[in-house]
Amino acid sequence: MRSEKVVKLSTADVAADGSVPIEMNIQKFRNFSSENGSAMTLMNQQPSPFEGVSLLAKHAENGEIHYEKTLSDSSVKFDDDDVIELLPQAMMYADLNQKTFEVGETLPVKMLIDELADHQISESVNVLFTLKKVEDQKAYFDLKVEPETALDFRSGTNAELSGGGMMIYDIKHHYIPEQNTRYVLNTSTRVEIGRLVLKASTEISTQVTLN
């Protein structure tokens, strides 16, 4: 399975209550899968109703993210969880906040994996962050899922998670301008006729420009 989400974000000035308005334009929101190597789309080649829709959200001073209103097609409804799903930095790196690194040091960071498991479970795993270097007020990290990360979804189903990538953190402006990661979730379920094996991969590539 593969997901493609392309979202353009714009922020405005900090409001009086300390929150930051976020305007989001969903340029692509699609899911794909393959069966025995034969590609097909999960949505019968119909794009998600989210595609082409713009909305307004708010990042509160306490770190919470809230949906405010839809700016384009008012018939498409969102909630706070939808907005968080469209903001991978907020969802996947919440545990990174306030961690302190030395160059060459590796620290575990909790990452939610309900996105990878199609919302069937909500669990967190350790991703190992290694600070490789600091250059021009930017910190460069290597990311890797903790080796031999095994999950037990339900009776008779086992799973293994692997993958990783890179991330750059802007120390001066406190945001992540670039990340490129790939996570693979392999599941195996015992059934009467044998064993059902599924593989889901999520690729996250983010490039942010600060205007």
N, C-alpha and C. Protein backbone atom coordinates (compact mmCIF):
# COMPACT_ATOMS: atom_id res chain seq x y z
N MET A 1 0.85 -1.19 0.00
CA MET A 1 0.00 0.00 0.00
C MET A 1 0.88 1.24 0.00
N ARG A 2 0.39 2.30 -0.63
CA ARG A 2 1.16 3.54 -0.70
C ARG A 2 0.21 4.72 -0.59
N SER A 3 0.62 5.72 0.14
CA SER A 3 -0.19 6.93 0.30
C SER A 3 0.56 8.11 -0.27
N GLU A 4 -0.17 9.00 -0.95
CA GLU A 4 0.41 10.24 -1.44
C GLU A 4 -0.42 11.41 -0.91
N LYS A 5 0.23 12.28 -0.17
CA LYS A 5 -0.44 13.47 0.35
C LYS A 5 0.47 14.66 0.10
N VAL A 6 -0.02 15.63 -0.65
CA VAL A 6 0.73 16.86 -0.92
C VAL A 6 -0.11 18.02 -0.40
N VAL A 7 0.41 18.71 0.61
CA VAL A 7 -0.33 19.78 1.26
C VAL A 7 0.53 21.04 1.30
N LYS A 8 -0.01 22.15 0.82
CA LYS A 8 0.69 23.43 0.89
C LYS A 8 0.18 24.18 2.13
N LEU A 9 1.11 24.60 2.97
CA LEU A 9 0.77 25.27 4.23
C LEU A 9 1.25 26.72 4.21
N SER A 10 0.44 27.59 4.74
CA SER A 10 0.84 28.99 4.93
C SER A 10 0.43 29.41 6.34
N THR A 11 1.30 30.12 7.02
CA THR A 11 0.98 30.59 8.37
C THR A 11 0.88 32.11 8.38
N ALA A 12 0.09 32.62 9.30
CA ALA A 12 -0.05 34.07 9.48
C ALA A 12 0.64 34.47 10.78
N ASP A 13 0.54 35.73 11.12
CA ASP A 13 1.17 36.23 12.34
C ASP A 13 0.52 35.61 13.58
N VAL A 14 1.28 35.56 14.66
CA VAL A 14 0.77 35.03 15.92
C VAL A 14 -0.39 35.90 16.40
N ALA A 15 -1.50 35.23 16.78
CA ALA A 15 -2.68 35.96 17.25
C ALA A 15 -2.49 36.42 18.69
N ALA A 16 -3.46 37.19 19.18
CA ALA A 16 -3.36 37.75 20.53
C ALA A 16 -3.34 36.66 21.60
N ASP A 17 -3.98 35.52 21.33
CA ASP A 17 -4.01 34.44 22.31
C ASP A 17 -2.80 33.51 22.20
N GLY A 18 -1.83 33.88 21.35
CA GLY A 18 -0.62 33.08 21.21
C GLY A 18 -0.71 31.97 20.18
N SER A 19 -1.86 31.81 19.54
CA SER A 19 -2.03 30.76 18.53
C SER A 19 -1.52 31.23 17.17
N VAL A 20 -1.25 30.26 16.30
CA VAL A 20 -0.77 30.56 14.94
C VAL A 20 -1.79 30.04 13.94
N PRO A 21 -2.39 30.89 13.10
CA PRO A 21 -3.31 30.43 12.06
C PRO A 21 -2.54 29.69 10.97
N ILE A 22 -3.12 28.58 10.49
CA ILE A 22 -2.50 27.78 9.43
C ILE A 22 -3.52 27.59 8.31
N GLU A 23 -3.20 28.07 7.11
CA GLU A 23 -4.04 27.81 5.95
C GLU A 23 -3.46 26.61 5.20
N MET A 24 -4.30 25.63 4.89
CA MET A 24 -3.85 24.39 4.27
C MET A 24 -4.58 24.17 2.96
N ASN A 25 -3.82 23.96 1.89
CA ASN A 25 -4.40 23.61 0.59
C ASN A 25 -3.98 22.18 0.25
N ILE A 26 -4.96 21.28 0.15
CA ILE A 26 -4.67 19.86 -0.09
C ILE A 26 -4.59 19.64 -1.60
N GLN A 27 -3.37 19.52 -2.10
CA GLN A 27 -3.16 19.40 -3.53
C GLN A 27 -3.27 17.96 -4.02
N LYS A 28 -2.94 16.99 -3.16
CA LYS A 28 -3.08 15.58 -3.54
C LYS A 28 -3.34 14.76 -2.28
N PHE A 29 -4.30 13.83 -2.38
CA PHE A 29 -4.64 12.96 -1.26
C PHE A 29 -5.13 11.64 -1.85
N ARG A 30 -4.22 10.67 -2.05
CA ARG A 30 -4.56 9.44 -2.74
C ARG A 30 -3.90 8.23 -2.08
N ASN A 31 -4.55 7.09 -2.22
CA ASN A 31 -4.02 5.83 -1.71
C ASN A 31 -3.95 4.82 -2.85
N PHE A 32 -2.88 4.03 -2.85
CA PHE A 32 -2.68 3.02 -3.87
C PHE A 32 -2.30 1.70 -3.20
N SER A 33 -2.58 0.61 -3.90
CA SER A 33 -2.14 -0.69 -3.40
C SER A 33 -1.81 -1.60 -4.57
N SER A 34 -1.14 -2.68 -4.30
CA SER A 34 -0.87 -3.69 -5.32
C SER A 34 -1.23 -5.05 -4.76
N GLU A 35 -1.68 -5.93 -5.62
CA GLU A 35 -2.06 -7.28 -5.23
C GLU A 35 -1.32 -8.25 -6.13
N ASN A 36 -0.41 -9.03 -5.54
CA ASN A 36 0.42 -9.96 -6.31
C ASN A 36 1.17 -9.24 -7.43
N GLY A 37 1.58 -8.01 -7.14
CA GLY A 37 2.38 -7.26 -8.10
C GLY A 37 1.58 -6.51 -9.14
N SER A 38 0.25 -6.62 -9.13
CA SER A 38 -0.59 -5.93 -10.10
C SER A 38 -1.14 -4.67 -9.46
N ALA A 39 -0.77 -3.52 -9.99
CA ALA A 39 -1.14 -2.25 -9.36
C ALA A 39 -2.62 -1.95 -9.52
N MET A 40 -3.23 -1.41 -8.49
CA MET A 40 -4.60 -0.93 -8.56
C MET A 40 -4.76 0.18 -7.53
N THR A 41 -5.77 0.99 -7.70
CA THR A 41 -6.03 2.05 -6.73
C THR A 41 -7.10 1.59 -5.77
N LEU A 42 -6.99 2.04 -4.54
CA LEU A 42 -7.97 1.66 -3.53
C LEU A 42 -9.30 2.36 -3.73
N MET A 43 -9.30 3.46 -4.49
CA MET A 43 -10.51 4.28 -4.60
C MET A 43 -11.11 4.20 -6.00
N ASN A 44 -10.82 3.13 -6.74
CA ASN A 44 -11.35 2.97 -8.09
C ASN A 44 -11.04 4.18 -8.97
N GLN A 45 -9.85 4.70 -8.80
CA GLN A 45 -9.34 5.83 -9.57
C GLN A 45 -10.13 7.12 -9.32
N GLN A 46 -10.86 7.18 -8.23
CA GLN A 46 -11.56 8.41 -7.86
C GLN A 46 -10.75 9.13 -6.78
N PRO A 47 -10.43 10.41 -6.99
CA PRO A 47 -9.64 11.13 -5.97
C PRO A 47 -10.45 11.32 -4.71
N SER A 48 -9.76 11.51 -3.61
CA SER A 48 -10.42 11.78 -2.33
C SER A 48 -11.16 13.11 -2.41
N PRO A 49 -12.29 13.25 -1.71
CA PRO A 49 -12.98 14.55 -1.68
C PRO A 49 -12.14 15.64 -1.04
N PHE A 50 -11.05 15.26 -0.34
CA PHE A 50 -10.17 16.25 0.26
C PHE A 50 -9.33 16.98 -0.79
N GLU A 51 -9.12 16.37 -1.96
CA GLU A 51 -8.24 16.98 -2.97
C GLU A 51 -8.81 18.31 -3.45
N GLY A 52 -7.94 19.32 -3.51
CA GLY A 52 -8.34 20.63 -4.00
C GLY A 52 -9.03 21.51 -2.97
N VAL A 53 -9.19 20.99 -1.76
CA VAL A 53 -9.90 21.74 -0.71
C VAL A 53 -8.91 22.53 0.14
N SER A 54 -9.29 23.72 0.52
CA SER A 54 -8.49 24.55 1.42
C SER A 54 -9.22 24.71 2.74
N LEU A 55 -8.45 24.76 3.81
CA LEU A 55 -9.06 24.90 5.13
C LEU A 55 -8.18 25.75 6.02
N LEU A 56 -8.77 26.20 7.11
CA LEU A 56 -8.05 27.00 8.09
C LEU A 56 -8.00 26.24 9.40
N ALA A 57 -6.80 26.12 9.97
CA ALA A 57 -6.60 25.47 11.26
C ALA A 57 -5.85 26.42 12.18
N LYS A 58 -5.69 26.00 13.43
CA LYS A 58 -5.02 26.84 14.42
C LYS A 58 -4.10 25.98 15.27
N HIS A 59 -2.85 26.45 15.40
CA HIS A 59 -1.90 25.80 16.30
C HIS A 59 -1.88 26.62 17.59
N ALA A 60 -2.50 26.06 18.63
CA ALA A 60 -2.65 26.80 19.89
C ALA A 60 -1.32 26.94 20.62
N GLU A 61 -1.28 27.86 21.55
CA GLU A 61 -0.05 28.12 22.31
C GLU A 61 0.37 26.90 23.12
N ASN A 62 -0.59 26.07 23.54
CA ASN A 62 -0.27 24.87 24.32
C ASN A 62 0.16 23.69 23.45
N GLY A 63 0.26 23.92 22.13
CA GLY A 63 0.71 22.87 21.22
C GLY A 63 -0.40 22.11 20.52
N GLU A 64 -1.65 22.28 20.97
CA GLU A 64 -2.76 21.57 20.35
C GLU A 64 -3.10 22.18 18.98
N ILE A 65 -3.62 21.33 18.08
CA ILE A 65 -4.00 21.76 16.74
C ILE A 65 -5.50 21.58 16.57
N HIS A 66 -6.17 22.62 16.07
CA HIS A 66 -7.63 22.58 15.96
C HIS A 66 -8.07 23.02 14.56
N TYR A 67 -9.08 22.33 14.05
CA TYR A 67 -9.71 22.71 12.79
C TYR A 67 -10.62 23.92 13.04
N GLU A 68 -10.55 24.91 12.14
CA GLU A 68 -11.37 26.11 12.29
C GLU A 68 -12.53 26.11 11.29
N LYS A 69 -12.24 26.10 9.99
CA LYS A 69 -13.29 26.13 8.98
C LYS A 69 -12.73 25.74 7.62
N THR A 70 -13.63 25.33 6.72
CA THR A 70 -13.26 25.04 5.34
C THR A 70 -13.36 26.33 4.53
N LEU A 71 -12.35 26.60 3.71
CA LEU A 71 -12.30 27.86 2.96
C LEU A 71 -12.85 27.74 1.55
N SER A 72 -12.85 26.52 0.99
CA SER A 72 -13.29 26.38 -0.39
C SER A 72 -14.63 25.63 -0.46
N ASP A 73 -14.59 24.31 -0.57
CA ASP A 73 -15.80 23.50 -0.68
C ASP A 73 -16.37 23.25 0.72
N SER A 74 -17.42 23.98 1.08
CA SER A 74 -17.96 23.89 2.43
C SER A 74 -18.65 22.56 2.70
N SER A 75 -18.90 21.74 1.64
CA SER A 75 -19.55 20.46 1.84
C SER A 75 -18.60 19.41 2.40
N VAL A 76 -17.28 19.68 2.33
CA VAL A 76 -16.27 18.76 2.86
C VAL A 76 -16.00 19.13 4.31
N LYS A 77 -16.22 18.19 5.21
CA LYS A 77 -16.07 18.46 6.63
C LYS A 77 -14.78 17.82 7.16
N PHE A 78 -14.15 18.50 8.09
CA PHE A 78 -12.94 18.02 8.72
C PHE A 78 -13.13 18.01 10.23
N ASP A 79 -12.21 17.37 10.93
CA ASP A 79 -12.13 17.50 12.38
C ASP A 79 -10.66 17.65 12.77
N ASP A 80 -10.39 17.77 14.05
CA ASP A 80 -9.02 18.00 14.51
C ASP A 80 -8.09 16.86 14.08
N ASP A 81 -8.58 15.61 14.14
CA ASP A 81 -7.74 14.46 13.77
C ASP A 81 -7.35 14.51 12.30
N ASP A 82 -8.27 14.98 11.42
CA ASP A 82 -7.95 15.11 10.01
C ASP A 82 -6.80 16.08 9.79
N VAL A 83 -6.85 17.19 10.52
CA VAL A 83 -5.80 18.21 10.37
C VAL A 83 -4.46 17.66 10.85
N ILE A 84 -4.46 16.94 11.98
CA ILE A 84 -3.21 16.36 12.50
C ILE A 84 -2.64 15.36 11.51
N GLU A 85 -3.52 14.59 10.85
CA GLU A 85 -3.06 13.61 9.85
C GLU A 85 -2.37 14.30 8.68
N LEU A 86 -2.81 15.51 8.35
CA LEU A 86 -2.22 16.25 7.24
C LEU A 86 -0.95 17.00 7.65
N LEU A 87 -0.62 16.96 8.93
CA LEU A 87 0.58 17.62 9.44
C LEU A 87 1.50 16.56 10.04
N PRO A 88 2.28 15.86 9.21
CA PRO A 88 3.10 14.76 9.75
C PRO A 88 4.11 15.20 10.80
N GLN A 89 4.59 16.42 10.73
CA GLN A 89 5.55 16.87 11.74
C GLN A 89 4.90 16.90 13.12
N ALA A 90 3.67 17.41 13.20
CA ALA A 90 2.99 17.50 14.48
C ALA A 90 2.66 16.13 15.02
N MET A 91 2.27 15.21 14.13
CA MET A 91 1.83 13.89 14.57
C MET A 91 3.01 12.99 14.94
N MET A 92 4.07 13.01 14.13
CA MET A 92 5.11 12.01 14.26
C MET A 92 6.24 12.43 15.18
N TYR A 93 6.40 13.73 15.43
CA TYR A 93 7.57 14.17 16.17
C TYR A 93 7.22 14.91 17.46
N ALA A 94 6.04 14.64 18.01
CA ALA A 94 5.67 15.31 19.26
C ALA A 94 6.65 14.98 20.38
N ASP A 95 7.16 13.76 20.41
CA ASP A 95 8.07 13.35 21.49
C ASP A 95 9.48 13.94 21.31
N LEU A 96 9.73 14.52 20.13
CA LEU A 96 11.04 15.15 19.90
C LEU A 96 11.18 16.47 20.64
N ASN A 97 10.06 17.08 20.98
CA ASN A 97 10.07 18.38 21.63
C ASN A 97 10.85 18.35 22.95
N GLN A 98 11.73 19.33 23.12
CA GLN A 98 12.52 19.54 24.34
C GLN A 98 13.64 18.53 24.55
N LYS A 99 13.90 17.65 23.58
CA LYS A 99 15.04 16.74 23.72
C LYS A 99 16.34 17.50 23.40
N THR A 100 17.40 17.15 24.09
CA THR A 100 18.70 17.79 23.90
C THR A 100 19.70 16.76 23.37
N PHE A 101 20.38 17.11 22.28
CA PHE A 101 21.32 16.20 21.62
C PHE A 101 22.73 16.78 21.62
N GLU A 102 23.71 15.90 21.69
CA GLU A 102 25.10 16.23 21.39
C GLU A 102 25.43 15.59 20.05
N VAL A 103 26.36 16.18 19.30
CA VAL A 103 26.76 15.62 18.01
C VAL A 103 27.28 14.20 18.21
N GLY A 104 26.77 13.27 17.42
CA GLY A 104 27.14 11.87 17.53
C GLY A 104 26.26 11.07 18.47
N GLU A 105 25.40 11.74 19.23
CA GLU A 105 24.54 11.06 20.20
C GLU A 105 23.28 10.53 19.52
N THR A 106 22.79 9.37 20.00
CA THR A 106 21.56 8.76 19.50
C THR A 106 20.55 8.67 20.64
N LEU A 107 19.34 9.17 20.38
CA LEU A 107 18.27 9.12 21.37
C LEU A 107 17.01 8.54 20.75
N PRO A 108 16.23 7.76 21.52
CA PRO A 108 14.96 7.24 21.00
C PRO A 108 13.88 8.31 21.04
N VAL A 109 13.06 8.35 19.99
CA VAL A 109 11.93 9.27 19.91
C VAL A 109 10.68 8.45 19.59
N LYS A 110 9.62 8.65 20.35
CA LYS A 110 8.39 7.90 20.14
C LYS A 110 7.68 8.38 18.87
N MET A 111 7.27 7.42 18.03
CA MET A 111 6.53 7.74 16.81
C MET A 111 5.24 6.94 16.78
N LEU A 112 4.11 7.62 16.52
CA LEU A 112 2.84 6.92 16.40
C LEU A 112 2.79 6.16 15.09
N ILE A 113 2.17 4.98 15.10
CA ILE A 113 2.13 4.18 13.88
C ILE A 113 0.71 3.86 13.44
N ASP A 114 -0.31 4.53 13.99
CA ASP A 114 -1.67 4.26 13.52
C ASP A 114 -1.82 4.63 12.06
N GLU A 115 -1.05 5.60 11.57
CA GLU A 115 -1.08 5.97 10.16
C GLU A 115 -0.63 4.80 9.29
N LEU A 116 0.44 4.11 9.70
CA LEU A 116 0.94 2.99 8.92
C LEU A 116 -0.01 1.81 8.95
N ALA A 117 -0.74 1.65 10.04
CA ALA A 117 -1.61 0.49 10.21
C ALA A 117 -3.05 0.80 9.79
N ASP A 118 -3.25 1.88 9.00
CA ASP A 118 -4.58 2.23 8.51
C ASP A 118 -5.57 2.42 9.66
N HIS A 119 -5.07 2.99 10.76
CA HIS A 119 -5.89 3.34 11.92
C HIS A 119 -6.50 2.13 12.63
N GLN A 120 -5.97 0.94 12.38
CA GLN A 120 -6.48 -0.24 13.07
C GLN A 120 -5.96 -0.30 14.51
N ILE A 121 -4.81 0.28 14.75
CA ILE A 121 -4.25 0.31 16.10
C ILE A 121 -3.68 1.69 16.35
N SER A 122 -3.43 1.99 17.58
CA SER A 122 -2.75 3.22 17.94
C SER A 122 -1.65 2.85 18.93
N GLU A 123 -0.44 2.83 18.44
CA GLU A 123 0.69 2.40 19.24
C GLU A 123 1.90 3.23 18.84
N SER A 124 2.88 3.29 19.70
CA SER A 124 4.08 4.05 19.38
C SER A 124 5.30 3.13 19.41
N VAL A 125 6.28 3.47 18.59
CA VAL A 125 7.53 2.72 18.55
C VAL A 125 8.68 3.71 18.66
N ASN A 126 9.86 3.20 18.95
CA ASN A 126 11.04 4.05 19.05
C ASN A 126 11.71 4.21 17.69
N VAL A 127 11.93 5.46 17.31
CA VAL A 127 12.78 5.78 16.17
C VAL A 127 14.07 6.39 16.73
N LEU A 128 15.21 5.84 16.33
CA LEU A 128 16.49 6.30 16.86
C LEU A 128 16.98 7.50 16.05
N PHE A 129 17.13 8.63 16.72
CA PHE A 129 17.62 9.86 16.10
C PHE A 129 19.10 10.01 16.44
N THR A 130 19.94 10.12 15.41
CA THR A 130 21.37 10.35 15.60
C THR A 130 21.74 11.70 15.02
N LEU A 131 22.26 12.60 15.86
CA LEU A 131 22.68 13.91 15.39
C LEU A 131 24.04 13.78 14.72
N LYS A 132 24.06 13.98 13.39
CA LYS A 132 25.30 13.79 12.61
C LYS A 132 26.18 15.04 12.64
N LYS A 133 25.55 16.22 12.48
CA LYS A 133 26.36 17.44 12.47
C LYS A 133 25.44 18.64 12.67
N VAL A 134 26.06 19.77 13.04
CA VAL A 134 25.37 21.06 13.12
C VAL A 134 26.11 22.03 12.23
N GLU A 135 25.39 22.61 11.28
CA GLU A 135 26.03 23.48 10.29
C GLU A 135 25.06 24.59 9.90
N ASP A 136 25.51 25.84 9.93
CA ASP A 136 24.68 26.99 9.55
C ASP A 136 23.37 27.01 10.33
N GLN A 137 23.46 26.78 11.64
CA GLN A 137 22.29 26.81 12.52
C GLN A 137 21.23 25.76 12.15
N LYS A 138 21.69 24.67 11.53
CA LYS A 138 20.80 23.56 11.21
C LYS A 138 21.40 22.26 11.73
N ALA A 139 20.54 21.42 12.33
CA ALA A 139 20.96 20.13 12.87
C ALA A 139 20.53 19.03 11.90
N TYR A 140 21.48 18.15 11.55
CA TYR A 140 21.23 17.09 10.57
C TYR A 140 21.16 15.75 11.31
N PHE A 141 20.01 15.05 11.14
CA PHE A 141 19.77 13.80 11.85
C PHE A 141 19.63 12.63 10.88
N ASP A 142 20.14 11.47 11.31
CA ASP A 142 19.80 10.20 10.69
C ASP A 142 18.71 9.54 11.54
N LEU A 143 17.71 8.95 10.89
CA LEU A 143 16.61 8.30 11.59
C LEU A 143 16.59 6.81 11.25
N LYS A 144 16.32 6.00 12.25
CA LYS A 144 16.22 4.56 12.02
C LYS A 144 15.31 3.94 13.07
N VAL A 145 14.36 3.12 12.60
CA VAL A 145 13.49 2.41 13.54
C VAL A 145 14.35 1.48 14.38
N GLU A 146 14.08 1.45 15.69
CA GLU A 146 14.84 0.59 16.58
C GLU A 146 14.83 -0.85 16.05
N PRO A 147 16.01 -1.47 15.93
CA PRO A 147 16.08 -2.83 15.35
C PRO A 147 15.16 -3.82 16.05
N GLU A 148 14.63 -4.74 15.24
CA GLU A 148 13.78 -5.82 15.74
C GLU A 148 12.55 -5.28 16.47
N THR A 149 11.94 -4.25 15.88
CA THR A 149 10.70 -3.71 16.45
C THR A 149 9.54 -4.59 16.02
N ALA A 150 9.01 -5.36 16.95
CA ALA A 150 7.91 -6.29 16.69
C ALA A 150 6.65 -5.80 17.38
N LEU A 151 5.50 -6.01 16.73
CA LEU A 151 4.21 -5.57 17.26
C LEU A 151 3.24 -6.73 17.25
N ASP A 152 2.35 -6.75 18.21
CA ASP A 152 1.32 -7.78 18.29
C ASP A 152 -0.03 -7.10 18.15
N PHE A 153 -0.58 -7.08 16.94
CA PHE A 153 -1.83 -6.37 16.69
C PHE A 153 -3.01 -7.03 17.38
N ARG A 154 -3.15 -8.30 17.13
CA ARG A 154 -4.27 -9.06 17.69
C ARG A 154 -3.88 -10.53 17.67
N SER A 155 -4.73 -11.37 18.21
CA SER A 155 -4.42 -12.80 18.27
C SER A 155 -4.16 -13.36 16.88
N GLY A 156 -3.01 -14.00 16.69
CA GLY A 156 -2.68 -14.62 15.41
C GLY A 156 -2.03 -13.71 14.41
N THR A 157 -1.88 -12.41 14.74
CA THR A 157 -1.26 -11.45 13.82
C THR A 157 -0.02 -10.84 14.45
N ASN A 158 1.09 -10.96 13.73
CA ASN A 158 2.35 -10.35 14.16
C ASN A 158 2.80 -9.34 13.13
N ALA A 159 3.62 -8.40 13.54
CA ALA A 159 4.10 -7.39 12.60
C ALA A 159 5.51 -6.94 12.98
N GLU A 160 6.24 -6.50 11.96
CA GLU A 160 7.57 -5.92 12.15
C GLU A 160 7.63 -4.59 11.42
N LEU A 161 8.25 -3.61 12.05
CA LEU A 161 8.39 -2.28 11.47
C LEU A 161 9.87 -1.99 11.26
N SER A 162 10.20 -1.45 10.09
CA SER A 162 11.58 -1.08 9.78
C SER A 162 11.58 0.22 8.98
N GLY A 163 12.78 0.74 8.74
CA GLY A 163 12.89 1.94 7.91
C GLY A 163 13.54 3.09 8.66
N GLY A 164 13.52 4.24 8.02
CA GLY A 164 14.13 5.44 8.57
C GLY A 164 14.39 6.45 7.48
N GLY A 165 15.40 7.30 7.69
CA GLY A 165 15.72 8.31 6.70
C GLY A 165 16.53 9.44 7.30
N MET A 166 16.20 10.67 6.90
CA MET A 166 16.95 11.83 7.38
C MET A 166 16.00 12.95 7.74
N MET A 167 16.48 13.89 8.56
CA MET A 167 15.71 15.05 8.94
C MET A 167 16.66 16.20 9.24
N ILE A 168 16.24 17.40 8.87
CA ILE A 168 17.00 18.61 9.18
C ILE A 168 16.14 19.49 10.10
N TYR A 169 16.75 19.98 11.17
CA TYR A 169 16.04 20.84 12.12
C TYR A 169 16.69 22.22 12.12
N ASP A 170 15.88 23.26 11.92
CA ASP A 170 16.36 24.64 11.94
C ASP A 170 16.39 25.12 13.38
N ILE A 171 17.58 25.27 13.94
CA ILE A 171 17.73 25.63 15.35
C ILE A 171 17.24 27.05 15.62
N LYS A 172 17.50 27.96 14.70
CA LYS A 172 17.16 29.37 14.90
C LYS A 172 15.65 29.59 14.87
N HIS A 173 14.96 28.94 13.90
CA HIS A 173 13.54 29.20 13.71
C HIS A 173 12.64 28.11 14.30
N HIS A 174 13.23 27.06 14.85
CA HIS A 174 12.48 26.01 15.55
C HIS A 174 11.44 25.32 14.65
N TYR A 175 11.88 24.83 13.50
CA TYR A 175 10.98 24.06 12.65
C TYR A 175 11.81 23.07 11.83
N ILE A 176 11.12 22.16 11.14
CA ILE A 176 11.78 21.11 10.35
C ILE A 176 11.64 21.48 8.87
N PRO A 177 12.66 22.03 8.23
CA PRO A 177 12.53 22.43 6.84
C PRO A 177 12.59 21.27 5.85
N GLU A 178 13.16 20.14 6.27
CA GLU A 178 13.29 19.04 5.31
C GLU A 178 13.35 17.71 6.04
N GLN A 179 12.64 16.74 5.49
CA GLN A 179 12.73 15.37 5.99
C GLN A 179 12.44 14.42 4.84
N ASN A 180 13.02 13.25 4.88
CA ASN A 180 12.80 12.24 3.85
C ASN A 180 12.90 10.89 4.53
N THR A 181 11.76 10.23 4.74
CA THR A 181 11.75 8.97 5.47
C THR A 181 10.89 7.94 4.75
N ARG A 182 11.17 6.68 5.03
CA ARG A 182 10.36 5.58 4.50
C ARG A 182 10.25 4.52 5.58
N TYR A 183 9.01 4.16 5.90
CA TYR A 183 8.75 3.15 6.91
C TYR A 183 7.97 1.99 6.28
N VAL A 184 8.36 0.78 6.61
CA VAL A 184 7.73 -0.42 6.06
C VAL A 184 7.17 -1.26 7.19
N LEU A 185 5.90 -1.60 7.09
CA LEU A 185 5.23 -2.42 8.08
C LEU A 185 4.86 -3.76 7.44
N ASN A 186 5.45 -4.85 7.92
CA ASN A 186 5.14 -6.19 7.43
C ASN A 186 4.28 -6.91 8.46
N THR A 187 3.12 -7.41 8.04
CA THR A 187 2.25 -8.14 8.95
C THR A 187 2.03 -9.56 8.44
N SER A 188 1.80 -10.46 9.36
CA SER A 188 1.58 -11.86 9.03
C SER A 188 0.45 -12.39 9.91
N THR A 189 -0.58 -12.95 9.28
CA THR A 189 -1.75 -13.45 9.99
C THR A 189 -2.01 -14.91 9.64
N ARG A 190 -2.21 -15.73 10.64
CA ARG A 190 -2.53 -17.14 10.42
C ARG A 190 -4.02 -17.26 10.06
N VAL A 191 -4.30 -17.97 8.96
CA VAL A 191 -5.67 -18.26 8.55
C VAL A 191 -5.78 -19.76 8.33
N GLU A 192 -7.01 -20.24 8.10
CA GLU A 192 -7.22 -21.68 8.00
C GLU A 192 -6.44 -22.31 6.86
N ILE A 193 -6.31 -21.60 5.75
CA ILE A 193 -5.65 -22.19 4.57
C ILE A 193 -4.16 -21.92 4.55
N GLY A 194 -3.63 -21.23 5.53
CA GLY A 194 -2.20 -20.96 5.54
C GLY A 194 -1.89 -19.66 6.25
N ARG A 195 -1.09 -18.81 5.63
CA ARG A 195 -0.68 -17.56 6.26
C ARG A 195 -0.86 -16.42 5.27
N LEU A 196 -1.49 -15.34 5.73
CA LEU A 196 -1.71 -14.15 4.93
C LEU A 196 -0.63 -13.12 5.28
N VAL A 197 0.10 -12.67 4.29
CA VAL A 197 1.20 -11.73 4.51
C VAL A 197 0.87 -10.41 3.83
N LEU A 198 0.92 -9.32 4.58
CA LEU A 198 0.66 -7.99 4.07
C LEU A 198 1.86 -7.09 4.30
N LYS A 199 2.04 -6.13 3.41
CA LYS A 199 3.15 -5.19 3.53
C LYS A 199 2.63 -3.79 3.23
N ALA A 200 2.84 -2.87 4.15
CA ALA A 200 2.43 -1.49 3.96
C ALA A 200 3.65 -0.59 4.12
N SER A 201 3.83 0.35 3.20
CA SER A 201 4.96 1.27 3.30
C SER A 201 4.44 2.70 3.24
N THR A 202 5.03 3.55 4.06
CA THR A 202 4.69 4.96 4.06
C THR A 202 5.95 5.77 3.82
N GLU A 203 5.94 6.59 2.77
CA GLU A 203 7.07 7.46 2.47
C GLU A 203 6.66 8.89 2.77
N ILE A 204 7.46 9.56 3.58
CA ILE A 204 7.17 10.94 3.97
C ILE A 204 8.32 11.82 3.51
N SER A 205 8.01 12.75 2.62
CA SER A 205 9.01 13.70 2.16
C SER A 205 8.45 15.10 2.35
N THR A 206 9.16 15.93 3.11
CA THR A 206 8.69 17.27 3.42
C THR A 206 9.78 18.29 3.07
N GLN A 207 9.39 19.34 2.38
CA GLN A 207 10.29 20.47 2.14
C GLN A 207 9.52 21.73 2.49
N VAL A 208 10.07 22.52 3.42
CA VAL A 208 9.41 23.71 3.92
C VAL A 208 10.27 24.93 3.62
N THR A 209 9.65 25.97 3.08
CA THR A 209 10.36 27.22 2.82
C THR A 209 9.81 28.29 3.76
N LEU A 210 10.69 28.94 4.50
CA LEU A 210 10.28 30.00 5.41
C LEU A 210 10.37 31.33 4.70
N ASN A 211 9.21 31.96 4.49
CA ASN A 211 9.17 33.25 3.78
C ASN A 211 9.26 34.41 4.77
